[in-house]
């Protein structure tokens, strides 16, 4: 997965990196690749919560979202980000640093069960994944190290792959512009 030189450098310079299980390291590396592909292919190389929501609306308009597609990931994030005693967002959730303009109300509503539409669920999950991306690529993950992050990245990877499959179905469903143009208009 890593060259000896890179592995040695990371072990010396990233807190707890040496203690990470191999599987967690693989999930983190996979996330970097999948997010890059997702952002390029689905979000036209410019990620934002607005673009994520617009893409989900497009998928919903084409009836590509199924209510139970993301049950496993939603269950995982509920366990991770809700206090088991109160059912309200916990400190881990607050550490995601979801801003109001990042649709915090949608994410919270989905997690506590007030919103159960397929588009709201996928929006909440992709916003969480977007926060992983922001915190990972812009330094916040290093504030509390990669310890205990393997499962987060594994779920994020599952969500990204499923979202890209939905996007592929949309692309297959839409006829290409070239095939709909008459020969004289080319």
C-alpha atoms as a PDB file:
ATOM      1  CA  UNK A   1       0.000   0.000   0.000  1.00  0.00           C
ATOM      2  CA  UNK A   2       2.756   2.458   0.943  1.00  0.00           C
ATOM      3  CA  UNK A   3       6.359   2.483  -0.095  1.00  0.00           C
ATOM      4  CA  UNK A   4       8.771   1.890   2.762  1.00  0.00           C
ATOM      5  CA  UNK A   5       9.903   5.495   2.570  1.00  0.00           C
ATOM      6  CA  UNK A   6       6.346   6.884   2.813  1.00  0.00           C
ATOM      7  CA  UNK A   7       5.370   4.457   5.566  1.00  0.00           C
ATOM      8  CA  UNK A   8       8.454   5.351   7.573  1.00  0.00           C
ATOM      9  CA  UNK A   9       7.829   9.085   7.169  1.00  0.00           C
ATOM     10  CA  UNK A  10       4.144   8.788   8.156  1.00  0.00           C
ATOM     11  CA  UNK A  11       5.043   6.681  11.176  1.00  0.00           C
ATOM     12  CA  UNK A  12       7.422   9.392  12.383  1.00  0.00           C
ATOM     13  CA  UNK A  13       5.251  12.405  11.591  1.00  0.00           C
ATOM     14  CA  UNK A  14       1.581  11.436  11.986  1.00  0.00           C
ATOM     15  CA  UNK A  15       0.373  10.737  15.524  1.00  0.00           C
ATOM     16  CA  UNK A  16      -0.656   7.108  16.036  1.00  0.00           C
ATOM     17  CA  UNK A  17      -0.136   6.218  12.369  1.00  0.00           C
ATOM     18  CA  UNK A  18       2.159   3.334  13.257  1.00  0.00           C
ATOM     19  CA  UNK A  19      -0.569   1.864  15.497  1.00  0.00           C
ATOM     20  CA  UNK A  20      -3.272   1.924  12.829  1.00  0.00           C
ATOM     21  CA  UNK A  21      -4.395  -1.475  11.591  1.00  0.00           C
ATOM     22  CA  UNK A  22      -3.520  -2.157   7.973  1.00  0.00           C
ATOM     23  CA  UNK A  23      -7.240  -2.231   7.083  1.00  0.00           C
ATOM     24  CA  UNK A  24      -7.770   1.289   8.474  1.00  0.00           C
ATOM     25  CA  UNK A  25      -4.818   2.576   6.451  1.00  0.00           C
ATOM     26  CA  UNK A  26      -6.288   0.968   3.344  1.00  0.00           C
ATOM     27  CA  UNK A  27      -9.700   2.590   3.970  1.00  0.00           C
ATOM     28  CA  UNK A  28      -8.092   6.016   4.378  1.00  0.00           C
ATOM     29  CA  UNK A  29      -6.098   5.660   1.162  1.00  0.00           C
ATOM     30  CA  UNK A  30      -9.191   4.341  -0.627  1.00  0.00           C
ATOM     31  CA  UNK A  31     -11.192   7.338   0.605  1.00  0.00           C
ATOM     32  CA  UNK A  32      -8.671   9.728  -0.919  1.00  0.00           C
ATOM     33  CA  UNK A  33      -8.996   8.038  -4.292  1.00  0.00           C
ATOM     34  CA  UNK A  34     -12.769   7.577  -4.194  1.00  0.00           C
ATOM     35  CA  UNK A  35     -13.425  11.154  -3.066  1.00  0.00           C
ATOM     36  CA  UNK A  36     -11.242  12.510  -5.843  1.00  0.00           C
ATOM     37  CA  UNK A  37     -13.109  10.404  -8.392  1.00  0.00           C
ATOM     38  CA  UNK A  38     -16.516  11.359  -6.903  1.00  0.00           C
ATOM     39  CA  UNK A  39     -15.718  15.062  -6.903  1.00  0.00           C
ATOM     40  CA  UNK A  40     -14.489  14.964 -10.491  1.00  0.00           C
ATOM     41  CA  UNK A  41     -17.121  12.684 -11.942  1.00  0.00           C
ATOM     42  CA  UNK A  42     -20.224  13.647  -9.984  1.00  0.00           C
ATOM     43  CA  UNK A  43     -19.604  17.188  -8.726  1.00  0.00           C
ATOM     44  CA  UNK A  44     -17.806  18.586 -11.784  1.00  0.00           C
ATOM     45  CA  UNK A  45     -14.534  19.079  -9.873  1.00  0.00           C
ATOM     46  CA  UNK A  46     -16.002  21.478  -7.331  1.00  0.00           C
ATOM     47  CA  UNK A  47     -17.441  20.025  -4.132  1.00  0.00           C
ATOM     48  CA  UNK A  48     -19.954  21.898  -2.022  1.00  0.00           C
ATOM     49  CA  UNK A  49     -23.051  21.047  -0.055  1.00  0.00           C
ATOM     50  CA  UNK A  50     -25.094  22.950  -2.624  1.00  0.00           C
ATOM     51  CA  UNK A  51     -23.726  20.822  -5.488  1.00  0.00           C
ATOM     52  CA  UNK A  52     -24.320  17.634  -3.509  1.00  0.00           C
ATOM     53  CA  UNK A  53     -27.940  18.627  -2.887  1.00  0.00           C
ATOM     54  CA  UNK A  54     -28.469  19.611  -6.531  1.00  0.00           C
ATOM     55  CA  UNK A  55     -27.117  16.262  -7.708  1.00  0.00           C
ATOM     56  CA  UNK A  56     -29.368  14.382  -5.285  1.00  0.00           C
ATOM     57  CA  UNK A  57     -32.382  16.379  -6.537  1.00  0.00           C
ATOM     58  CA  UNK A  58     -31.503  15.336 -10.076  1.00  0.00           C
ATOM     59  CA  UNK A  59     -31.254  11.677  -9.034  1.00  0.00           C
ATOM     60  CA  UNK A  60     -34.581  11.949  -7.200  1.00  0.00           C
ATOM     61  CA  UNK A  61     -36.276  13.525 -10.240  1.00  0.00           C
ATOM     62  CA  UNK A  62     -35.196  10.490 -12.262  1.00  0.00           C
ATOM     63  CA  UNK A  63     -36.482   8.103  -9.559  1.00  0.00           C
ATOM     64  CA  UNK A  64     -33.029   6.638  -8.957  1.00  0.00           C
ATOM     65  CA  UNK A  65     -33.099   6.729  -5.144  1.00  0.00           C
ATOM     66  CA  UNK A  66     -34.441   3.783  -3.197  1.00  0.00           C
ATOM     67  CA  UNK A  67     -35.520   4.320   0.424  1.00  0.00           C
ATOM     68  CA  UNK A  68     -33.438   1.460   1.839  1.00  0.00           C
ATOM     69  CA  UNK A  69     -30.274   1.909  -0.251  1.00  0.00           C
ATOM     70  CA  UNK A  70     -28.378   3.485   2.620  1.00  0.00           C
ATOM     71  CA  UNK A  71     -29.900   1.834   5.715  1.00  0.00           C
ATOM     72  CA  UNK A  72     -26.608   0.249   6.776  1.00  0.00           C
ATOM     73  CA  UNK A  73     -24.667   3.526   6.620  1.00  0.00           C
ATOM     74  CA  UNK A  74     -27.474   5.464   8.302  1.00  0.00           C
ATOM     75  CA  UNK A  75     -27.592   2.959  11.152  1.00  0.00           C
ATOM     76  CA  UNK A  76     -23.827   3.238  11.602  1.00  0.00           C
ATOM     77  CA  UNK A  77     -23.889   7.052  11.712  1.00  0.00           C
ATOM     78  CA  UNK A  78     -26.832   7.108  14.128  1.00  0.00           C
ATOM     79  CA  UNK A  79     -24.868   4.908  16.525  1.00  0.00           C
ATOM     80  CA  UNK A  80     -21.768   7.037  16.088  1.00  0.00           C
ATOM     81  CA  UNK A  81     -23.284  10.519  16.259  1.00  0.00           C
ATOM     82  CA  UNK A  82     -26.276  10.246  18.597  1.00  0.00           C
ATOM     83  CA  UNK A  83     -26.134  10.037  22.372  1.00  0.00           C
ATOM     84  CA  UNK A  84     -27.711   6.669  23.282  1.00  0.00           C
ATOM     85  CA  UNK A  85     -29.440   8.165  26.337  1.00  0.00           C
ATOM     86  CA  UNK A  86     -30.915  11.306  24.807  1.00  0.00           C
ATOM     87  CA  UNK A  87     -31.094  10.461  21.108  1.00  0.00           C
ATOM     88  CA  UNK A  88     -29.573  13.866  20.383  1.00  0.00           C
ATOM     89  CA  UNK A  89     -26.326  14.719  18.573  1.00  0.00           C
ATOM     90  CA  UNK A  90     -23.221  14.033  20.656  1.00  0.00           C
ATOM     91  CA  UNK A  91     -19.730  15.558  20.818  1.00  0.00           C
ATOM     92  CA  UNK A  92     -18.525  13.442  17.908  1.00  0.00           C
ATOM     93  CA  UNK A  93     -21.270  14.984  15.798  1.00  0.00           C
ATOM     94  CA  UNK A  94     -20.272  18.487  16.868  1.00  0.00           C
ATOM     95  CA  UNK A  95     -16.649  17.665  15.967  1.00  0.00           C
ATOM     96  CA  UNK A  96     -17.731  17.142  12.351  1.00  0.00           C
ATOM     97  CA  UNK A  97     -18.065  20.941  12.271  1.00  0.00           C
ATOM     98  CA  UNK A  98     -21.189  20.933  10.126  1.00  0.00           C
ATOM     99  CA  UNK A  99     -22.213  24.534   9.575  1.00  0.00           C
ATOM    100  CA  UNK A 100     -25.763  25.832   9.360  1.00  0.00           C
ATOM    101  CA  UNK A 101     -25.271  26.661   5.701  1.00  0.00           C
ATOM    102  CA  UNK A 102     -24.117  23.049   5.221  1.00  0.00           C
ATOM    103  CA  UNK A 103     -27.676  21.914   6.001  1.00  0.00           C
ATOM    104  CA  UNK A 104     -27.027  20.990   9.617  1.00  0.00           C
ATOM    105  CA  UNK A 105     -30.808  20.796  10.118  1.00  0.00           C
ATOM    106  CA  UNK A 106     -31.092  18.124   7.406  1.00  0.00           C
ATOM    107  CA  UNK A 107     -28.293  16.029   8.879  1.00  0.00           C
ATOM    108  CA  UNK A 108     -29.652  16.325  12.415  1.00  0.00           C
ATOM    109  CA  UNK A 109     -33.226  15.666  11.248  1.00  0.00           C
ATOM    110  CA  UNK A 110     -32.200  12.480   9.450  1.00  0.00           C
ATOM    111  CA  UNK A 111     -30.091  11.194  12.334  1.00  0.00           C
ATOM    112  CA  UNK A 112     -32.786  11.726  14.974  1.00  0.00           C
ATOM    113  CA  UNK A 113     -35.452  10.266  12.684  1.00  0.00           C
ATOM    114  CA  UNK A 114     -37.491  13.373  11.841  1.00  0.00           C
ATOM    115  CA  UNK A 115     -36.657  13.098   8.132  1.00  0.00           C
ATOM    116  CA  UNK A 116     -36.875   9.742   6.392  1.00  0.00           C
ATOM    117  CA  UNK A 117     -37.146  10.556   2.689  1.00  0.00           C
ATOM    118  CA  UNK A 118     -34.503   8.889   0.512  1.00  0.00           C
ATOM    119  CA  UNK A 119     -33.180  12.226  -0.785  1.00  0.00           C
ATOM    120  CA  UNK A 120     -32.833  13.672   2.735  1.00  0.00           C
ATOM    121  CA  UNK A 121     -31.065  10.522   3.945  1.00  0.00           C
ATOM    122  CA  UNK A 122     -28.582  10.547   1.094  1.00  0.00           C
ATOM    123  CA  UNK A 123     -28.020  14.292   1.519  1.00  0.00           C
ATOM    124  CA  UNK A 124     -27.277  13.815   5.224  1.00  0.00           C
ATOM    125  CA  UNK A 125     -24.890  10.941   4.557  1.00  0.00           C
ATOM    126  CA  UNK A 126     -23.028  12.740   1.783  1.00  0.00           C
ATOM    127  CA  UNK A 127     -22.772  15.890   3.910  1.00  0.00           C
ATOM    128  CA  UNK A 128     -21.161  13.803   6.661  1.00  0.00           C
ATOM    129  CA  UNK A 129     -18.800  12.320   4.065  1.00  0.00           C
ATOM    130  CA  UNK A 130     -18.118  15.846   2.778  1.00  0.00           C
ATOM    131  CA  UNK A 131     -17.159  16.881   6.314  1.00  0.00           C
ATOM    132  CA  UNK A 132     -14.803  13.878   6.514  1.00  0.00           C
ATOM    133  CA  UNK A 133     -13.267  15.110   3.287  1.00  0.00           C
ATOM    134  CA  UNK A 134     -12.932  18.673   4.556  1.00  0.00           C
ATOM    135  CA  UNK A 135     -11.595  17.649   7.942  1.00  0.00           C
ATOM    136  CA  UNK A 136      -9.213  15.103   6.402  1.00  0.00           C
ATOM    137  CA  UNK A 137      -7.838  17.158   3.527  1.00  0.00           C
ATOM    138  CA  UNK A 138      -7.775  20.432   5.454  1.00  0.00           C
ATOM    139  CA  UNK A 139      -6.240  19.183   8.672  1.00  0.00           C
ATOM    140  CA  UNK A 140      -8.962  18.703  11.282  1.00  0.00           C
ATOM    141  CA  UNK A 141      -8.613  14.908  11.389  1.00  0.00           C
ATOM    142  CA  UNK A 142      -5.028  15.314  12.497  1.00  0.00           C
ATOM    143  CA  UNK A 143      -6.284  17.226  15.543  1.00  0.00           C
ATOM    144  CA  UNK A 144      -7.551  13.952  17.011  1.00  0.00           C
ATOM    145  CA  UNK A 145      -5.482  11.602  14.837  1.00  0.00           C
ATOM    146  CA  UNK A 146      -6.645   8.739  12.700  1.00  0.00           C
ATOM    147  CA  UNK A 147      -7.320   6.474  15.655  1.00  0.00           C
ATOM    148  CA  UNK A 148     -10.807   4.959  15.426  1.00  0.00           C
ATOM    149  CA  UNK A 149     -11.348   6.401  11.944  1.00  0.00           C
ATOM    150  CA  UNK A 150     -11.134   3.197   9.887  1.00  0.00           C
ATOM    151  CA  UNK A 151     -14.844   2.381  10.203  1.00  0.00           C
ATOM    152  CA  UNK A 152     -15.785   5.977   9.353  1.00  0.00           C
ATOM    153  CA  UNK A 153     -13.783   5.860   6.158  1.00  0.00           C
ATOM    154  CA  UNK A 154     -15.121   2.382   5.303  1.00  0.00           C
ATOM    155  CA  UNK A 155     -18.716   3.668   5.560  1.00  0.00           C
ATOM    156  CA  UNK A 156     -17.791   6.819   3.647  1.00  0.00           C
ATOM    157  CA  UNK A 157     -16.296   4.665   0.901  1.00  0.00           C
ATOM    158  CA  UNK A 158     -19.475   2.557   0.695  1.00  0.00           C
ATOM    159  CA  UNK A 159     -21.595   5.706   0.393  1.00  0.00           C
ATOM    160  CA  UNK A 160     -19.351   7.209  -2.285  1.00  0.00           C
ATOM    161  CA  UNK A 161     -19.356   4.027  -4.357  1.00  0.00           C
ATOM    162  CA  UNK A 162     -23.158   3.700  -4.132  1.00  0.00           C
ATOM    163  CA  UNK A 163     -23.622   7.378  -5.033  1.00  0.00           C
ATOM    164  CA  UNK A 164     -21.363   6.948  -8.067  1.00  0.00           C
ATOM    165  CA  UNK A 165     -23.393   3.890  -9.115  1.00  0.00           C
ATOM    166  CA  UNK A 166     -26.557   6.017  -8.948  1.00  0.00           C
ATOM    167  CA  UNK A 167     -24.833   8.698 -11.001  1.00  0.00           C
ATOM    168  CA  UNK A 168     -23.792   6.100 -13.580  1.00  0.00           C
ATOM    169  CA  UNK A 169     -27.412   4.929 -13.888  1.00  0.00           C
ATOM    170  CA  UNK A 170     -28.438   8.529 -14.541  1.00  0.00           C
ATOM    171  CA  UNK A 171     -25.794   8.889 -17.244  1.00  0.00           C
ATOM    172  CA  UNK A 172     -26.965   5.636 -18.860  1.00  0.00           C
ATOM    173  CA  UNK A 173     -30.582   6.774 -18.693  1.00  0.00           C
ATOM    174  CA  UNK A 174     -29.964  10.157 -20.351  1.00  0.00           C
ATOM    175  CA  UNK A 175     -29.436   9.948 -24.096  1.00  0.00           C
ATOM    176  CA  UNK A 176     -26.240  11.635 -25.199  1.00  0.00           C
ATOM    177  CA  UNK A 177     -26.625  14.946 -27.001  1.00  0.00           C
ATOM    178  CA  UNK A 178     -24.790  13.636 -30.036  1.00  0.00           C
ATOM    179  CA  UNK A 179     -27.192  10.741 -30.526  1.00  0.00           C
ATOM    180  CA  UNK A 180     -30.211  13.065 -30.375  1.00  0.00           C
ATOM    181  CA  UNK A 181     -28.855  15.600 -32.846  1.00  0.00           C
ATOM    182  CA  UNK A 182     -29.800  15.281 -36.479  1.00  0.00           C
ATOM    183  CA  UNK A 183     -26.915  14.611 -38.889  1.00  0.00           C
ATOM    184  CA  UNK A 184     -27.141  18.127 -40.330  1.00  0.00           C
ATOM    185  CA  UNK A 185     -26.825  19.818 -36.928  1.00  0.00           C
ATOM    186  CA  UNK A 186     -23.410  18.315 -36.115  1.00  0.00           C
END
